[in-house]
């Protein structure tokens, strides 16, 4: 089962939730109990224009770091 990140639209809390890929279960915020959660895109599933994937070890969050 994959782990997804969700952000609460009410309080802004970000949490990781283990979710079945076919599951339609409603999740609630750990902090404020709101059901208004947004699934965040995974760093591994979002590619860069050059074809590389983000989220790898040693990558720079701003994308402006020089190569080692």
PDB file of N, CA and C in Angstrom:
ATOM      1  N   UNK A   1       0.844  -1.175   0.000  1.00  0.00           N
ATOM      2  CA  UNK A   1       0.000   0.000   0.000  1.00  0.00           C
ATOM      3  C   UNK A   1       0.893   1.242   0.000  1.00  0.00           C
ATOM      4  N   UNK A   2       0.635   2.154  -0.896  1.00  0.00           N
ATOM      5  CA  UNK A   2       1.463   3.356  -0.976  1.00  0.00           C
ATOM      6  C   UNK A   2       1.118   4.374   0.117  1.00  0.00           C
ATOM      7  N   UNK A   3       2.080   5.219   0.419  1.00  0.00           N
ATOM      8  CA  UNK A   3       1.886   6.302   1.371  1.00  0.00           C
ATOM      9  C   UNK A   3       1.726   7.587   0.577  1.00  0.00           C
ATOM     10  N   UNK A   4       0.691   8.350   0.889  1.00  0.00           N
ATOM     11  CA  UNK A   4       0.435   9.619   0.221  1.00  0.00           C
ATOM     12  C   UNK A   4       0.493  10.748   1.239  1.00  0.00           C
ATOM     13  N   UNK A   5       0.863  11.934   0.770  1.00  0.00           N
ATOM     14  CA  UNK A   5       0.811  13.122   1.605  1.00  0.00           C
ATOM     15  C   UNK A   5      -0.483  13.860   1.318  1.00  0.00           C
ATOM     16  N   UNK A   6      -1.105  14.331   2.376  1.00  0.00           N
ATOM     17  CA  UNK A   6      -2.330  15.117   2.270  1.00  0.00           C
ATOM     18  C   UNK A   6      -2.139  16.406   3.046  1.00  0.00           C
ATOM     19  N   UNK A   7      -2.748  17.481   2.547  1.00  0.00           N
ATOM     20  CA  UNK A   7      -2.727  18.766   3.233  1.00  0.00           C
ATOM     21  C   UNK A   7      -4.159  19.158   3.570  1.00  0.00           C
ATOM     22  N   UNK A   8      -4.383  19.530   4.830  1.00  0.00           N
ATOM     23  CA  UNK A   8      -5.698  19.971   5.269  1.00  0.00           C
ATOM     24  C   UNK A   8      -5.947  21.380   4.741  1.00  0.00           C
ATOM     25  N   UNK A   9      -7.065  21.561   4.067  1.00  0.00           N
ATOM     26  CA  UNK A   9      -7.406  22.863   3.507  1.00  0.00           C
ATOM     27  C   UNK A   9      -7.917  23.821   4.579  1.00  0.00           C
ATOM     28  N   UNK A  10      -8.253  23.302   5.754  1.00  0.00           N
ATOM     29  CA  UNK A  10      -8.770  24.138   6.837  1.00  0.00           C
ATOM     30  C   UNK A  10      -7.648  24.700   7.714  1.00  0.00           C
ATOM     31  N   UNK A  11      -6.736  23.819   8.178  1.00  0.00           N
ATOM     32  CA  UNK A  11      -5.693  24.269   9.114  1.00  0.00           C
ATOM     33  C   UNK A  11      -4.285  24.246   8.529  1.00  0.00           C
ATOM     34  N   UNK A  12      -4.106  23.639   7.334  1.00  0.00           N
ATOM     35  CA  UNK A  12      -2.800  23.616   6.687  1.00  0.00           C
ATOM     36  C   UNK A  12      -1.885  22.483   7.114  1.00  0.00           C
ATOM     37  N   UNK A  13      -2.341  21.630   8.010  1.00  0.00           N
ATOM     38  CA  UNK A  13      -1.531  20.503   8.491  1.00  0.00           C
ATOM     39  C   UNK A  13      -1.258  19.526   7.346  1.00  0.00           C
ATOM     40  N   UNK A  14       0.001  19.066   7.232  1.00  0.00           N
ATOM     41  CA  UNK A  14       0.383  18.078   6.218  1.00  0.00           C
ATOM     42  C   UNK A  14       0.658  16.770   6.923  1.00  0.00           C
ATOM     43  N   UNK A  15       0.091  15.682   6.379  1.00  0.00           N
ATOM     44  CA  UNK A  15       0.271  14.366   7.007  1.00  0.00           C
ATOM     45  C   UNK A  15       0.455  13.296   5.939  1.00  0.00           C
ATOM     46  N   UNK A  16       1.064  12.198   6.336  1.00  0.00           N
ATOM     47  CA  UNK A  16       1.216  11.043   5.459  1.00  0.00           C
ATOM     48  C   UNK A  16       0.169  10.015   5.845  1.00  0.00           C
ATOM     49  N   UNK A  17      -0.478   9.431   4.827  1.00  0.00           N
ATOM     50  CA  UNK A  17      -1.520   8.443   5.074  1.00  0.00           C
ATOM     51  C   UNK A  17      -1.260   7.227   4.192  1.00  0.00           C
ATOM     52  N   UNK A  18      -1.249   6.058   4.805  1.00  0.00           N
ATOM     53  CA  UNK A  18      -1.129   4.803   4.087  1.00  0.00           C
ATOM     54  C   UNK A  18      -2.485   4.512   3.460  1.00  0.00           C
ATOM     55  N   UNK A  19      -2.531   4.372   2.144  1.00  0.00           N
ATOM     56  CA  UNK A  19      -3.816   4.251   1.457  1.00  0.00           C
ATOM     57  C   UNK A  19      -3.776   3.158   0.401  1.00  0.00           C
ATOM     58  N   UNK A  20      -4.827   2.379   0.352  1.00  0.00           N
ATOM     59  CA  UNK A  20      -4.965   1.400  -0.725  1.00  0.00           C
ATOM     60  C   UNK A  20      -5.190   2.155  -2.022  1.00  0.00           C
ATOM     61  N   UNK A  21      -4.565   1.691  -3.083  1.00  0.00           N
ATOM     62  CA  UNK A  21      -4.696   2.392  -4.361  1.00  0.00           C
ATOM     63  C   UNK A  21      -6.129   2.381  -4.874  1.00  0.00           C
ATOM     64  N   UNK A  22      -6.926   1.391  -4.498  1.00  0.00           N
ATOM     65  CA  UNK A  22      -8.317   1.333  -4.937  1.00  0.00           C
ATOM     66  C   UNK A  22      -9.284   1.843  -3.871  1.00  0.00           C
ATOM     67  N   UNK A  23      -8.736   2.305  -2.755  1.00  0.00           N
ATOM     68  CA  UNK A  23      -9.587   2.736  -1.650  1.00  0.00           C
ATOM     69  C   UNK A  23     -10.227   4.091  -1.892  1.00  0.00           C
ATOM     70  N   UNK A  24     -11.482   4.204  -1.510  1.00  0.00           N
ATOM     71  CA  UNK A  24     -12.206   5.464  -1.608  1.00  0.00           C
ATOM     72  C   UNK A  24     -12.552   5.997  -0.225  1.00  0.00           C
ATOM     73  N   UNK A  25     -11.809   5.563   0.774  1.00  0.00           N
ATOM     74  CA  UNK A  25     -12.068   5.953   2.150  1.00  0.00           C
ATOM     75  C   UNK A  25     -11.823   7.449   2.352  1.00  0.00           C
ATOM     76  N   UNK A  26     -12.717   8.098   3.082  1.00  0.00           N
ATOM     77  CA  UNK A  26     -12.540   9.501   3.417  1.00  0.00           C
ATOM     78  C   UNK A  26     -11.542   9.613   4.555  1.00  0.00           C
ATOM     79  N   UNK A  27     -10.555  10.481   4.406  1.00  0.00           N
ATOM     80  CA  UNK A  27      -9.567  10.711   5.455  1.00  0.00           C
ATOM     81  C   UNK A  27      -9.937  11.982   6.208  1.00  0.00           C
ATOM     82  N   UNK A  28      -9.482  12.056   7.457  1.00  0.00           N
ATOM     83  CA  UNK A  28      -9.725  13.264   8.241  1.00  0.00           C
ATOM     84  C   UNK A  28      -8.398  13.799   8.765  1.00  0.00           C
ATOM     85  N   UNK A  29      -8.351  15.099   8.984  1.00  0.00           N
ATOM     86  CA  UNK A  29      -7.148  15.753   9.491  1.00  0.00           C
ATOM     87  C   UNK A  29      -6.881  15.294  10.920  1.00  0.00           C
ATOM     88  N   UNK A  30      -5.622  14.965  11.182  1.00  0.00           N
ATOM     89  CA  UNK A  30      -5.219  14.531  12.522  1.00  0.00           C
ATOM     90  C   UNK A  30      -5.351  15.664  13.533  1.00  0.00           C
ATOM     91  N   UNK A  31      -5.223  16.887  13.054  1.00  0.00           N
ATOM     92  CA  UNK A  31      -5.197  18.040  13.951  1.00  0.00           C
ATOM     93  C   UNK A  31      -6.582  18.636  14.215  1.00  0.00           C
ATOM     94  N   UNK A  32      -7.330  18.950  13.137  1.00  0.00           N
ATOM     95  CA  UNK A  32      -8.606  19.666  13.331  1.00  0.00           C
ATOM     96  C   UNK A  32      -9.840  18.829  12.986  1.00  0.00           C
ATOM     97  N   UNK A  33      -9.618  17.591  12.525  1.00  0.00           N
ATOM     98  CA  UNK A  33     -10.685  16.636  12.193  1.00  0.00           C
ATOM     99  C   UNK A  33     -11.506  17.020  10.950  1.00  0.00           C
ATOM    100  N   UNK A  34     -11.009  17.950  10.144  1.00  0.00           N
ATOM    101  CA  UNK A  34     -11.684  18.325   8.906  1.00  0.00           C
ATOM    102  C   UNK A  34     -11.549  17.196   7.887  1.00  0.00           C
ATOM    103  N   UNK A  35     -12.529  17.073   7.002  1.00  0.00           N
ATOM    104  CA  UNK A  35     -12.466  16.106   5.905  1.00  0.00           C
ATOM    105  C   UNK A  35     -12.019  16.767   4.608  1.00  0.00           C
ATOM    106  N   UNK A  36     -11.695  18.055   4.652  1.00  0.00           N
ATOM    107  CA  UNK A  36     -11.305  18.809   3.464  1.00  0.00           C
ATOM    108  C   UNK A  36      -9.797  18.685   3.248  1.00  0.00           C
ATOM    109  N   UNK A  37      -9.377  17.518   2.732  1.00  0.00           N
ATOM    110  CA  UNK A  37      -7.961  17.248   2.504  1.00  0.00           C
ATOM    111  C   UNK A  37      -7.647  17.240   1.012  1.00  0.00           C
ATOM    112  N   UNK A  38      -6.458  17.720   0.681  1.00  0.00           N
ATOM    113  CA  UNK A  38      -5.987  17.708  -0.701  1.00  0.00           C
ATOM    114  C   UNK A  38      -4.796  16.762  -0.791  1.00  0.00           C
ATOM    115  N   UNK A  39      -4.851  15.823  -1.734  1.00  0.00           N
ATOM    116  CA  UNK A  39      -3.736  14.905  -1.942  1.00  0.00           C
ATOM    117  C   UNK A  39      -2.632  15.681  -2.647  1.00  0.00           C
ATOM    118  N   UNK A  40      -1.430  15.651  -2.090  1.00  0.00           N
ATOM    119  CA  UNK A  40      -0.307  16.367  -2.673  1.00  0.00           C
ATOM    120  C   UNK A  40       0.409  15.491  -3.683  1.00  0.00           C
ATOM    121  N   UNK A  41       0.946  16.109  -4.741  1.00  0.00           N
ATOM    122  CA  UNK A  41       1.684  15.319  -5.729  1.00  0.00           C
ATOM    123  C   UNK A  41       2.974  14.767  -5.117  1.00  0.00           C
ATOM    124  N   UNK A  42       3.278  13.544  -5.435  1.00  0.00           N
ATOM    125  CA  UNK A  42       4.479  12.892  -4.942  1.00  0.00           C
ATOM    126  C   UNK A  42       5.696  13.439  -5.663  1.00  0.00           C
ATOM    127  N   UNK A  43       6.777  13.651  -4.930  1.00  0.00           N
ATOM    128  CA  UNK A  43       8.016  14.096  -5.537  1.00  0.00           C
ATOM    129  C   UNK A  43       8.565  13.087  -6.530  1.00  0.00           C
ATOM    130  N   UNK A  44       8.252  11.810  -6.342  1.00  0.00           N
ATOM    131  CA  UNK A  44       8.732  10.773  -7.234  1.00  0.00           C
ATOM    132  C   UNK A  44       7.885  10.650  -8.486  1.00  0.00           C
ATOM    133  N   UNK A  45       6.674  11.159  -8.460  1.00  0.00           N
ATOM    134  CA  UNK A  45       5.816  11.034  -9.629  1.00  0.00           C
ATOM    135  C   UNK A  45       5.795  12.292 -10.475  1.00  0.00           C
ATOM    136  N   UNK A  46       6.421  13.349  -9.983  1.00  0.00           N
ATOM    137  CA  UNK A  46       6.463  14.604 -10.725  1.00  0.00           C
ATOM    138  C   UNK A  46       7.845  14.740 -11.343  1.00  0.00           C
ATOM    139  N   UNK A  47       7.914  14.690 -12.648  1.00  0.00           N
ATOM    140  CA  UNK A  47       9.198  14.777 -13.341  1.00  0.00           C
ATOM    141  C   UNK A  47       9.565  16.204 -13.693  1.00  0.00           C
ATOM    142  N   UNK A  48      10.848  16.421 -13.987  1.00  0.00           N
ATOM    143  CA  UNK A  48      11.336  17.718 -14.446  1.00  0.00           C
ATOM    144  C   UNK A  48      11.340  17.746 -15.971  1.00  0.00           C
ATOM    145  N   UNK A  49      11.493  18.919 -16.539  1.00  0.00           N
ATOM    146  CA  UNK A  49      11.498  19.086 -17.991  1.00  0.00           C
ATOM    147  C   UNK A  49      12.613  18.268 -18.648  1.00  0.00           C
ATOM    148  N   UNK A  50      13.725  18.040 -17.931  1.00  0.00           N
ATOM    149  CA  UNK A  50      14.830  17.280 -18.516  1.00  0.00           C
ATOM    150  C   UNK A  50      14.630  15.770 -18.411  1.00  0.00           C
ATOM    151  N   UNK A  51      13.484  15.337 -17.890  1.00  0.00           N
ATOM    152  CA  UNK A  51      13.191  13.909 -17.790  1.00  0.00           C
ATOM    153  C   UNK A  51      13.589  13.286 -16.469  1.00  0.00           C
ATOM    154  N   UNK A  52      14.322  14.046 -15.628  1.00  0.00           N
ATOM    155  CA  UNK A  52      14.699  13.499 -14.331  1.00  0.00           C
ATOM    156  C   UNK A  52      13.533  13.603 -13.376  1.00  0.00           C
ATOM    157  N   UNK A  53      13.572  12.798 -12.333  1.00  0.00           N
ATOM    158  CA  UNK A  53      12.509  12.818 -11.328  1.00  0.00           C
ATOM    159  C   UNK A  53      12.980  13.592 -10.123  1.00  0.00           C
ATOM    160  N   UNK A  54      12.075  14.355  -9.504  1.00  0.00           N
ATOM    161  CA  UNK A  54      12.415  15.059  -8.279  1.00  0.00           C
ATOM    162  C   UNK A  54      12.295  14.106  -7.105  1.00  0.00           C
ATOM    163  N   UNK A  55      12.782  14.542  -5.956  1.00  0.00           N
ATOM    164  CA  UNK A  55      12.640  13.752  -4.745  1.00  0.00           C
ATOM    165  C   UNK A  55      13.794  12.800  -4.503  1.00  0.00           C
ATOM    166  N   UNK A  56      14.762  12.764  -5.400  1.00  0.00           N
ATOM    167  CA  UNK A  56      15.901  11.884  -5.222  1.00  0.00           C
ATOM    168  C   UNK A  56      16.846  12.421  -4.173  1.00  0.00           C
ATOM    169  N   UNK A  57      17.670  11.550  -3.624  1.00  0.00           N
ATOM    170  CA  UNK A  57      18.624  11.971  -2.626  1.00  0.00           C
ATOM    171  C   UNK A  57      19.580  13.004  -3.174  1.00  0.00           C
ATOM    172  N   UNK A  58      19.847  14.039  -2.406  1.00  0.00           N
ATOM    173  CA  UNK A  58      20.794  15.058  -2.800  1.00  0.00           C
ATOM    174  C   UNK A  58      20.220  16.121  -3.714  1.00  0.00           C
ATOM    175  N   UNK A  59      18.956  16.076  -4.021  1.00  0.00           N
ATOM    176  CA  UNK A  59      18.382  17.087  -4.891  1.00  0.00           C
ATOM    177  C   UNK A  59      18.116  18.352  -4.091  1.00  0.00           C
ATOM    178  N   UNK A  60      18.120  19.461  -4.772  1.00  0.00           N
ATOM    179  CA  UNK A  60      17.908  20.748  -4.135  1.00  0.00           C
ATOM    180  C   UNK A  60      16.437  21.126  -4.248  1.00  0.00           C
ATOM    181  N   UNK A  61      15.791  21.507  -3.142  1.00  0.00           N
ATOM    182  CA  UNK A  61      14.367  21.826  -3.200  1.00  0.00           C
ATOM    183  C   UNK A  61      14.024  22.979  -4.136  1.00  0.00           C
ATOM    184  N   UNK A  62      14.951  23.924  -4.293  1.00  0.00           N
ATOM    185  CA  UNK A  62      14.678  25.072  -5.162  1.00  0.00           C
ATOM    186  C   UNK A  62      15.008  24.792  -6.608  1.00  0.00           C
ATOM    187  N   UNK A  63      15.784  23.730  -6.853  1.00  0.00           N
ATOM    188  CA  UNK A  63      16.174  23.381  -8.216  1.00  0.00           C
ATOM    189  C   UNK A  63      17.302  24.258  -8.743  1.00  0.00           C
ATOM    190  N   UNK A  64      17.907  25.096  -7.891  1.00  0.00           N
ATOM    191  CA  UNK A  64      18.952  26.009  -8.348  1.00  0.00           C
ATOM    192  C   UNK A  64      20.328  25.641  -7.808  1.00  0.00           C
ATOM    193  N   UNK A  65      20.480  24.528  -7.140  1.00  0.00           N
ATOM    194  CA  UNK A  65      21.765  24.115  -6.597  1.00  0.00           C
ATOM    195  C   UNK A  65      22.676  23.615  -7.709  1.00  0.00           C
ATOM    196  N   UNK A  66      23.967  23.855  -7.531  1.00  0.00           N
ATOM    197  CA  UNK A  66      24.909  23.372  -8.540  1.00  0.00           C
ATOM    198  C   UNK A  66      25.184  21.889  -8.341  1.00  0.00           C
ATOM    199  N   UNK A  67      25.552  21.212  -9.416  1.00  0.00           N
ATOM    200  CA  UNK A  67      25.847  19.769  -9.354  1.00  0.00           C
ATOM    201  C   UNK A  67      27.131  19.536  -8.585  1.00  0.00           C
ATOM    202  N   UNK A  68      27.238  18.359  -7.941  1.00  0.00           N
ATOM    203  CA  UNK A  68      28.429  18.017  -7.165  1.00  0.00           C
ATOM    204  C   UNK A  68      29.568  17.634  -8.055  1.00  0.00           C
TER     205      UNK A  68
END
